[in-house]
């Protein structure tokens, strides 16, 4: 079974739906959104400062 299929199956399960809701609530908090943006920028290379 491929990794994508496993992730897809988990996302459709009750546990996966619960995890998605928790992630959405976490991401909506302004402090958490700032943390997410910093990590995202570091990964994409937009936060290097030079």
PDB file of N, CA and C in Angstrom:
ATOM      1  N   UNK A   1       0.859  -1.184   0.000  1.00  0.00           N
ATOM      2  CA  UNK A   1       0.000   0.000   0.000  1.00  0.00           C
ATOM      3  C   UNK A   1       0.899   1.240   0.000  1.00  0.00           C
ATOM      4  N   UNK A   2       0.576   2.182  -0.866  1.00  0.00           N
ATOM      5  CA  UNK A   2       1.412   3.385  -0.963  1.00  0.00           C
ATOM      6  C   UNK A   2       1.181   4.312   0.223  1.00  0.00           C
ATOM      7  N   UNK A   3       2.158   5.160   0.467  1.00  0.00           N
ATOM      8  CA  UNK A   3       2.065   6.123   1.557  1.00  0.00           C
ATOM      9  C   UNK A   3       0.884   7.056   1.340  1.00  0.00           C
ATOM     10  N   UNK A   4       0.688   7.508   0.101  1.00  0.00           N
ATOM     11  CA  UNK A   4      -0.422   8.417  -0.194  1.00  0.00           C
ATOM     12  C   UNK A   4      -1.762   7.755   0.127  1.00  0.00           C
ATOM     13  N   UNK A   5      -1.902   6.488  -0.192  1.00  0.00           N
ATOM     14  CA  UNK A   5      -3.143   5.757   0.089  1.00  0.00           C
ATOM     15  C   UNK A   5      -3.367   5.661   1.598  1.00  0.00           C
ATOM     16  N   UNK A   6      -2.302   5.408   2.353  1.00  0.00           N
ATOM     17  CA  UNK A   6      -2.424   5.320   3.812  1.00  0.00           C
ATOM     18  C   UNK A   6      -2.854   6.658   4.399  1.00  0.00           C
ATOM     19  N   UNK A   7      -2.245   7.743   3.913  1.00  0.00           N
ATOM     20  CA  UNK A   7      -2.601   9.078   4.397  1.00  0.00           C
ATOM     21  C   UNK A   7      -4.041   9.399   4.033  1.00  0.00           C
ATOM     22  N   UNK A   8      -4.422   9.068   2.817  1.00  0.00           N
ATOM     23  CA  UNK A   8      -5.791   9.317   2.355  1.00  0.00           C
ATOM     24  C   UNK A   8      -6.805   8.546   3.204  1.00  0.00           C
ATOM     25  N   UNK A   9      -6.515   7.298   3.474  1.00  0.00           N
ATOM     26  CA  UNK A   9      -7.413   6.479   4.302  1.00  0.00           C
ATOM     27  C   UNK A   9      -7.517   7.051   5.716  1.00  0.00           C
ATOM     28  N   UNK A  10      -6.386   7.485   6.278  1.00  0.00           N
ATOM     29  CA  UNK A  10      -6.408   8.072   7.622  1.00  0.00           C
ATOM     30  C   UNK A  10      -7.240   9.344   7.639  1.00  0.00           C
ATOM     31  N   UNK A  11      -7.097  10.186   6.614  1.00  0.00           N
ATOM     32  CA  UNK A  11      -7.830  11.452   6.567  1.00  0.00           C
ATOM     33  C   UNK A  11      -9.345  11.223   6.524  1.00  0.00           C
ATOM     34  N   UNK A  12      -9.754  10.113   5.973  1.00  0.00           N
ATOM     35  CA  UNK A  12     -11.191   9.799   5.865  1.00  0.00           C
ATOM     36  C   UNK A  12     -11.743   9.132   7.125  1.00  0.00           C
ATOM     37  N   UNK A  13     -10.855   8.669   8.003  1.00  0.00           N
ATOM     38  CA  UNK A  13     -11.292   7.972   9.210  1.00  0.00           C
ATOM     39  C   UNK A  13     -11.743   8.980  10.271  1.00  0.00           C
ATOM     40  N   UNK A  14     -12.504   8.526  11.269  1.00  0.00           N
ATOM     41  CA  UNK A  14     -12.914   9.425  12.356  1.00  0.00           C
ATOM     42  C   UNK A  14     -11.728  10.062  13.081  1.00  0.00           C
ATOM     43  N   UNK A  15     -10.662   9.287  13.304  1.00  0.00           N
ATOM     44  CA  UNK A  15      -9.475   9.838  13.960  1.00  0.00           C
ATOM     45  C   UNK A  15      -8.825  10.905  13.089  1.00  0.00           C
ATOM     46  N   UNK A  16      -8.778  10.676  11.796  1.00  0.00           N
ATOM     47  CA  UNK A  16      -8.196  11.638  10.870  1.00  0.00           C
ATOM     48  C   UNK A  16      -8.994  12.925  10.806  1.00  0.00           C
ATOM     49  N   UNK A  17     -10.313  12.794  10.809  1.00  0.00           N
ATOM     50  CA  UNK A  17     -11.181  13.984  10.786  1.00  0.00           C
ATOM     51  C   UNK A  17     -11.001  14.799  12.062  1.00  0.00           C
ATOM     52  N   UNK A  18     -10.854  14.112  13.198  1.00  0.00           N
ATOM     53  CA  UNK A  18     -10.623  14.786  14.465  1.00  0.00           C
ATOM     54  C   UNK A  18      -9.290  15.525  14.448  1.00  0.00           C
ATOM     55  N   UNK A  19      -8.265  14.867  13.906  1.00  0.00           N
ATOM     56  CA  UNK A  19      -6.938  15.489  13.818  1.00  0.00           C
ATOM     57  C   UNK A  19      -6.976  16.717  12.909  1.00  0.00           C
ATOM     58  N   UNK A  20      -7.729  16.650  11.832  1.00  0.00           N
ATOM     59  CA  UNK A  20      -7.850  17.792  10.917  1.00  0.00           C
ATOM     60  C   UNK A  20      -8.524  18.970  11.618  1.00  0.00           C
ATOM     61  N   UNK A  21      -9.556  18.705  12.389  1.00  0.00           N
ATOM     62  CA  UNK A  21     -10.245  19.777  13.117  1.00  0.00           C
ATOM     63  C   UNK A  21      -9.321  20.418  14.150  1.00  0.00           C
ATOM     64  N   UNK A  22      -8.557  19.597  14.861  1.00  0.00           N
ATOM     65  CA  UNK A  22      -7.611  20.127  15.835  1.00  0.00           C
ATOM     66  C   UNK A  22      -6.549  20.982  15.155  1.00  0.00           C
ATOM     67  N   UNK A  23      -6.072  20.538  14.004  1.00  0.00           N
ATOM     68  CA  UNK A  23      -5.053  21.299  13.271  1.00  0.00           C
ATOM     69  C   UNK A  23      -5.614  22.642  12.794  1.00  0.00           C
ATOM     70  N   UNK A  24      -6.862  22.647  12.351  1.00  0.00           N
ATOM     71  CA  UNK A  24      -7.489  23.898  11.903  1.00  0.00           C
ATOM     72  C   UNK A  24      -7.630  24.879  13.063  1.00  0.00           C
ATOM     73  N   UNK A  25      -8.052  24.381  14.214  1.00  0.00           N
ATOM     74  CA  UNK A  25      -8.183  25.254  15.392  1.00  0.00           C
ATOM     75  C   UNK A  25      -6.824  25.804  15.805  1.00  0.00           C
ATOM     76  N   UNK A  26      -5.803  24.957  15.780  1.00  0.00           N
ATOM     77  CA  UNK A  26      -4.455  25.382  16.148  1.00  0.00           C
ATOM     78  C   UNK A  26      -3.962  26.463  15.184  1.00  0.00           C
ATOM     79  N   UNK A  27      -4.203  26.270  13.904  1.00  0.00           N
ATOM     80  CA  UNK A  27      -3.710  27.206  12.891  1.00  0.00           C
ATOM     81  C   UNK A  27      -4.447  28.541  12.927  1.00  0.00           C
ATOM     82  N   UNK A  28      -5.640  28.591  13.474  1.00  0.00           N
ATOM     83  CA  UNK A  28      -6.407  29.829  13.515  1.00  0.00           C
ATOM     84  C   UNK A  28      -5.954  30.761  14.640  1.00  0.00           C
ATOM     85  N   UNK A  29      -5.268  30.245  15.638  1.00  0.00           N
ATOM     86  CA  UNK A  29      -4.768  31.068  16.735  1.00  0.00           C
ATOM     87  C   UNK A  29      -3.654  31.971  16.192  1.00  0.00           C
ATOM     88  N   UNK A  30      -3.739  33.290  16.405  1.00  0.00           N
ATOM     89  CA  UNK A  30      -2.739  34.211  15.836  1.00  0.00           C
ATOM     90  C   UNK A  30      -1.294  33.886  16.232  1.00  0.00           C
ATOM     91  N   UNK A  31      -1.054  33.476  17.476  1.00  0.00           N
ATOM     92  CA  UNK A  31       0.308  33.134  17.906  1.00  0.00           C
ATOM     93  C   UNK A  31       0.807  31.908  17.143  1.00  0.00           C
ATOM     94  N   UNK A  32      -0.044  30.921  17.016  1.00  0.00           N
ATOM     95  CA  UNK A  32       0.339  29.707  16.314  1.00  0.00           C
ATOM     96  C   UNK A  32       0.524  29.980  14.821  1.00  0.00           C
ATOM     97  N   UNK A  33      -0.310  30.844  14.268  1.00  0.00           N
ATOM     98  CA  UNK A  33      -0.192  31.187  12.850  1.00  0.00           C
ATOM     99  C   UNK A  33       1.166  31.831  12.577  1.00  0.00           C
ATOM    100  N   UNK A  34       1.617  32.678  13.492  1.00  0.00           N
ATOM    101  CA  UNK A  34       2.936  33.311  13.344  1.00  0.00           C
ATOM    102  C   UNK A  34       4.041  32.252  13.360  1.00  0.00           C
ATOM    103  N   UNK A  35       3.931  31.276  14.269  1.00  0.00           N
ATOM    104  CA  UNK A  35       4.925  30.210  14.342  1.00  0.00           C
ATOM    105  C   UNK A  35       4.941  29.404  13.037  1.00  0.00           C
ATOM    106  N   UNK A  36       3.758  29.083  12.548  1.00  0.00           N
ATOM    107  CA  UNK A  36       3.641  28.311  11.309  1.00  0.00           C
ATOM    108  C   UNK A  36       4.266  29.079  10.151  1.00  0.00           C
ATOM    109  N   UNK A  37       3.992  30.384  10.071  1.00  0.00           N
ATOM    110  CA  UNK A  37       4.546  31.203   9.000  1.00  0.00           C
ATOM    111  C   UNK A  37       6.068  31.256   9.068  1.00  0.00           C
ATOM    112  N   UNK A  38       6.631  31.370  10.296  1.00  0.00           N
ATOM    113  CA  UNK A  38       8.083  31.406  10.438  1.00  0.00           C
ATOM    114  C   UNK A  38       8.723  30.108   9.944  1.00  0.00           C
ATOM    115  N   UNK A  39       8.141  28.983  10.329  1.00  0.00           N
ATOM    116  CA  UNK A  39       8.683  27.691   9.904  1.00  0.00           C
ATOM    117  C   UNK A  39       8.541  27.549   8.393  1.00  0.00           C
ATOM    118  N   UNK A  40       7.392  27.921   7.870  1.00  0.00           N
ATOM    119  CA  UNK A  40       7.150  27.826   6.426  1.00  0.00           C
ATOM    120  C   UNK A  40       8.155  28.673   5.657  1.00  0.00           C
ATOM    121  N   UNK A  41       8.400  29.899   6.133  1.00  0.00           N
ATOM    122  CA  UNK A  41       9.362  30.774   5.456  1.00  0.00           C
ATOM    123  C   UNK A  41      10.782  30.216   5.544  1.00  0.00           C
ATOM    124  N   UNK A  42      11.121  29.612   6.678  1.00  0.00           N
ATOM    125  CA  UNK A  42      12.450  29.033   6.840  1.00  0.00           C
ATOM    126  C   UNK A  42      12.625  27.879   5.853  1.00  0.00           C
ATOM    127  N   UNK A  43      11.589  27.081   5.688  1.00  0.00           N
ATOM    128  CA  UNK A  43      11.666  25.926   4.782  1.00  0.00           C
ATOM    129  C   UNK A  43      11.745  26.381   3.326  1.00  0.00           C
ATOM    130  N   UNK A  44      10.974  27.395   2.961  1.00  0.00           N
ATOM    131  CA  UNK A  44      10.955  27.857   1.579  1.00  0.00           C
ATOM    132  C   UNK A  44      12.097  28.802   1.262  1.00  0.00           C
ATOM    133  N   UNK A  45      12.863  29.229   2.293  1.00  0.00           N
ATOM    134  CA  UNK A  45      14.012  30.083   2.076  1.00  0.00           C
ATOM    135  C   UNK A  45      13.689  31.570   2.059  1.00  0.00           C
ATOM    136  N   UNK A  46      12.492  31.958   2.447  1.00  0.00           N
ATOM    137  CA  UNK A  46      12.086  33.367   2.408  1.00  0.00           C
ATOM    138  C   UNK A  46      12.480  34.118   3.667  1.00  0.00           C
ATOM    139  N   UNK A  47      12.949  33.434   4.697  1.00  0.00           N
ATOM    140  CA  UNK A  47      13.240  34.103   5.967  1.00  0.00           C
ATOM    141  C   UNK A  47      14.716  34.167   6.290  1.00  0.00           C
ATOM    142  N   UNK A  48      15.565  34.233   5.298  1.00  0.00           N
ATOM    143  CA  UNK A  48      17.011  34.206   5.548  1.00  0.00           C
ATOM    144  C   UNK A  48      17.570  35.539   6.036  1.00  0.00           C
ATOM    145  N   UNK A  49      16.925  36.653   5.688  1.00  0.00           N
ATOM    146  CA  UNK A  49      17.363  37.940   6.181  1.00  0.00           C
ATOM    147  C   UNK A  49      18.480  38.589   5.394  1.00  0.00           C
ATOM    148  N   UNK A  50      18.967  37.933   4.337  1.00  0.00           N
ATOM    149  CA  UNK A  50      20.032  38.531   3.521  1.00  0.00           C
ATOM    150  C   UNK A  50      19.521  38.800   2.130  1.00  0.00           C
TER     151      UNK A  50
END
